[in-house]
N, C-alpha and C. Protein backbone atom coordinates (compact mmCIF):
# COMPACT_ATOMS: atom_id res chain seq x y z
N MET A 1 20.26 142.63 -131.15
CA MET A 1 21.51 142.63 -130.42
C MET A 1 22.43 143.75 -130.89
N LYS A 2 22.27 144.19 -132.13
CA LYS A 2 23.11 145.28 -132.63
C LYS A 2 22.84 146.57 -131.86
N ILE A 3 21.60 146.81 -131.50
CA ILE A 3 21.26 148.01 -130.73
C ILE A 3 21.96 147.95 -129.38
N PHE A 4 21.87 146.82 -128.71
CA PHE A 4 22.50 146.66 -127.40
C PHE A 4 24.01 146.83 -127.51
N GLU A 5 24.59 146.22 -128.52
CA GLU A 5 26.04 146.33 -128.73
C GLU A 5 26.45 147.78 -128.97
N TYR A 6 25.68 148.49 -129.79
CA TYR A 6 25.98 149.89 -130.07
C TYR A 6 25.92 150.73 -128.80
N LEU A 7 24.88 150.53 -127.99
CA LEU A 7 24.76 151.29 -126.75
C LEU A 7 25.85 150.92 -125.75
N ARG A 8 26.26 149.69 -125.75
CA ARG A 8 27.36 149.28 -124.87
C ARG A 8 28.64 150.02 -125.25
N ASN A 9 28.86 150.21 -126.55
CA ASN A 9 30.07 150.88 -127.02
C ASN A 9 30.02 152.40 -126.91
N THR A 10 28.83 152.98 -127.05
CA THR A 10 28.73 154.45 -127.06
C THR A 10 28.35 155.03 -125.71
N GLY A 11 27.76 154.26 -124.85
CA GLY A 11 27.30 154.78 -123.57
C GLY A 11 25.87 155.26 -123.63
N LYS A 12 25.59 156.21 -124.52
CA LYS A 12 24.21 156.66 -124.73
C LYS A 12 24.10 157.21 -126.15
N SER A 13 22.90 157.09 -126.71
CA SER A 13 22.68 157.52 -128.09
C SER A 13 21.23 157.86 -128.32
N THR A 14 21.00 158.64 -129.36
CA THR A 14 19.64 158.96 -129.79
C THR A 14 19.16 157.91 -130.79
N VAL A 15 17.87 157.92 -131.06
CA VAL A 15 17.31 157.00 -132.05
C VAL A 15 17.98 157.21 -133.40
N GLY A 16 18.18 158.47 -133.79
CA GLY A 16 18.81 158.77 -135.08
C GLY A 16 20.20 158.19 -135.21
N GLU A 17 20.98 158.27 -134.15
CA GLU A 17 22.34 157.71 -134.17
C GLU A 17 22.29 156.19 -134.30
N ILE A 18 21.36 155.58 -133.60
CA ILE A 18 21.23 154.12 -133.66
C ILE A 18 20.77 153.69 -135.05
N VAL A 19 19.85 154.44 -135.65
CA VAL A 19 19.36 154.14 -137.00
C VAL A 19 20.52 154.09 -137.98
N GLU A 20 21.42 155.06 -137.90
CA GLU A 20 22.57 155.10 -138.81
C GLU A 20 23.47 153.88 -138.64
N PHE A 21 23.67 153.45 -137.40
CA PHE A 21 24.55 152.31 -137.14
C PHE A 21 23.92 150.99 -137.57
N VAL A 22 22.68 150.79 -137.18
CA VAL A 22 22.02 149.50 -137.38
C VAL A 22 21.46 149.37 -138.80
N ASN A 23 21.20 150.50 -139.45
CA ASN A 23 20.69 150.52 -140.82
C ASN A 23 19.29 149.89 -140.93
N LEU A 24 18.43 150.24 -139.97
CA LEU A 24 17.02 149.89 -140.01
C LEU A 24 16.21 151.18 -139.94
N THR A 25 14.92 151.09 -140.18
CA THR A 25 14.09 152.30 -140.16
C THR A 25 13.90 152.82 -138.73
N GLN A 26 13.59 154.10 -138.63
CA GLN A 26 13.38 154.73 -137.33
C GLN A 26 12.23 154.07 -136.57
N PRO A 27 11.08 153.78 -137.21
CA PRO A 27 10.02 153.10 -136.45
C PRO A 27 10.44 151.73 -135.90
N THR A 28 11.23 151.00 -136.66
CA THR A 28 11.71 149.69 -136.21
C THR A 28 12.61 149.83 -134.99
N ILE A 29 13.55 150.78 -135.06
CA ILE A 29 14.45 151.03 -133.93
C ILE A 29 13.66 151.48 -132.71
N SER A 30 12.72 152.41 -132.90
CA SER A 30 11.91 152.90 -131.79
C SER A 30 11.14 151.77 -131.12
N TYR A 31 10.59 150.87 -131.91
CA TYR A 31 9.86 149.73 -131.36
C TYR A 31 10.78 148.88 -130.49
N HIS A 32 11.95 148.55 -130.99
CA HIS A 32 12.87 147.70 -130.23
C HIS A 32 13.40 148.40 -128.99
N LEU A 33 13.64 149.70 -129.07
CA LEU A 33 14.07 150.45 -127.89
C LEU A 33 12.97 150.42 -126.83
N LYS A 34 11.72 150.60 -127.24
CA LYS A 34 10.60 150.56 -126.31
C LYS A 34 10.51 149.19 -125.63
N GLU A 35 10.64 148.13 -126.41
CA GLU A 35 10.58 146.77 -125.86
C GLU A 35 11.74 146.51 -124.89
N MET A 36 12.93 146.96 -125.24
CA MET A 36 14.10 146.77 -124.37
C MET A 36 13.96 147.59 -123.09
N LYS A 37 13.36 148.77 -123.21
CA LYS A 37 13.14 149.60 -122.02
C LYS A 37 12.10 148.94 -121.11
N MET A 38 11.02 148.42 -121.69
CA MET A 38 9.99 147.74 -120.90
C MET A 38 10.54 146.49 -120.22
N ALA A 39 11.52 145.84 -120.84
CA ALA A 39 12.14 144.65 -120.26
C ALA A 39 13.14 145.00 -119.16
N GLY A 40 13.41 146.29 -118.99
CA GLY A 40 14.33 146.72 -117.94
C GLY A 40 15.78 146.75 -118.37
N LEU A 41 16.05 146.60 -119.66
CA LEU A 41 17.44 146.60 -120.14
C LEU A 41 17.97 148.00 -120.40
N LEU A 42 17.08 148.92 -120.77
CA LEU A 42 17.50 150.27 -121.12
C LEU A 42 16.80 151.31 -120.26
N GLU A 43 17.39 152.49 -120.24
CA GLU A 43 16.75 153.65 -119.64
C GLU A 43 16.87 154.79 -120.64
N SER A 44 16.03 155.80 -120.48
CA SER A 44 16.08 156.94 -121.39
C SER A 44 16.12 158.23 -120.60
N ASP A 45 16.70 159.24 -121.23
CA ASP A 45 16.83 160.56 -120.61
C ASP A 45 16.55 161.60 -121.68
N LYS A 46 15.57 162.46 -121.43
CA LYS A 46 15.21 163.48 -122.40
C LYS A 46 15.99 164.75 -122.12
N SER A 47 16.58 165.30 -123.18
CA SER A 47 17.32 166.56 -123.10
C SER A 47 16.83 167.44 -124.24
N GLY A 48 15.95 168.39 -123.92
CA GLY A 48 15.33 169.19 -124.97
C GLY A 48 14.41 168.31 -125.79
N LYS A 49 14.62 168.30 -127.10
CA LYS A 49 13.80 167.46 -127.98
C LYS A 49 14.41 166.07 -128.18
N GLU A 50 15.63 165.88 -127.76
CA GLU A 50 16.33 164.60 -127.96
C GLU A 50 16.09 163.65 -126.79
N VAL A 51 15.95 162.39 -127.11
CA VAL A 51 15.86 161.34 -126.09
C VAL A 51 17.09 160.47 -126.25
N PHE A 52 17.85 160.33 -125.17
CA PHE A 52 19.06 159.51 -125.18
C PHE A 52 18.77 158.19 -124.48
N TYR A 53 19.15 157.11 -125.13
CA TYR A 53 18.98 155.77 -124.57
C TYR A 53 20.32 155.23 -124.11
N SER A 54 20.30 154.50 -123.01
CA SER A 54 21.52 153.88 -122.49
C SER A 54 21.14 152.58 -121.78
N ILE A 55 22.13 151.75 -121.55
CA ILE A 55 21.92 150.49 -120.85
C ILE A 55 21.75 150.80 -119.36
N ARG A 56 20.77 150.19 -118.74
CA ARG A 56 20.54 150.40 -117.30
C ARG A 56 21.76 149.99 -116.50
N ARG A 57 22.07 150.77 -115.52
CA ARG A 57 23.22 150.44 -114.65
C ARG A 57 22.87 149.32 -113.69
N LYS A 58 21.64 149.34 -113.20
CA LYS A 58 21.20 148.27 -112.30
C LYS A 58 20.75 147.10 -113.15
N CYS A 59 21.30 145.97 -112.88
CA CYS A 59 21.04 144.78 -113.68
C CYS A 59 19.65 144.22 -113.41
N PRO A 60 18.80 144.16 -114.46
CA PRO A 60 17.50 143.51 -114.26
C PRO A 60 17.70 142.01 -114.09
N SER A 61 16.86 141.40 -113.29
CA SER A 61 17.04 139.97 -113.06
C SER A 61 15.74 139.21 -113.27
N ARG A 62 15.90 137.98 -113.59
CA ARG A 62 14.79 137.03 -113.70
C ARG A 62 15.20 135.82 -112.87
N ASN A 63 14.44 135.57 -111.82
CA ASN A 63 14.75 134.44 -110.93
C ASN A 63 16.16 134.53 -110.36
N GLY A 64 16.62 135.74 -110.07
CA GLY A 64 17.91 135.91 -109.43
C GLY A 64 19.10 135.96 -110.37
N ASP A 65 18.93 135.62 -111.65
CA ASP A 65 20.03 135.67 -112.61
C ASP A 65 20.02 137.01 -113.33
N CYS A 66 21.18 137.57 -113.48
CA CYS A 66 21.29 138.83 -114.19
C CYS A 66 21.07 138.59 -115.68
N VAL A 67 20.08 139.23 -116.23
CA VAL A 67 19.77 139.08 -117.66
C VAL A 67 20.94 139.54 -118.51
N LEU A 68 21.60 140.62 -118.14
CA LEU A 68 22.70 141.16 -118.94
C LEU A 68 23.87 140.20 -119.03
N ASN A 69 24.07 139.37 -118.03
CA ASN A 69 25.16 138.39 -118.08
C ASN A 69 24.89 137.30 -119.12
N LYS A 70 23.64 137.14 -119.49
CA LYS A 70 23.28 136.13 -120.48
C LYS A 70 23.36 136.65 -121.91
N VAL A 71 23.49 137.98 -122.07
CA VAL A 71 23.57 138.58 -123.40
C VAL A 71 24.96 138.34 -123.97
N LYS A 72 25.02 137.68 -125.11
CA LYS A 72 26.30 137.40 -125.76
C LYS A 72 26.36 138.17 -127.06
N LEU A 73 27.41 138.94 -127.22
CA LEU A 73 27.58 139.73 -128.43
C LEU A 73 28.64 139.10 -129.30
N SER A 74 28.48 139.25 -130.60
CA SER A 74 29.46 138.67 -131.52
C SER A 74 30.69 139.54 -131.64
């Protein structure tokens, strides 16, 4: 949830920026970003060698309910 919260606050970020905020290893962050992207929560945009991750604008749904509306941040 910290990754999602960070992206909600920053708009878009690289893996390196997220690593600094969340204080986990780069492979761990990359794994979670991949899983969140596959779930339809995130999108990525490559600019040169950098990949920027952001929250998808279109809300992914499961059975008609917006998944993002169910995400509760502390």
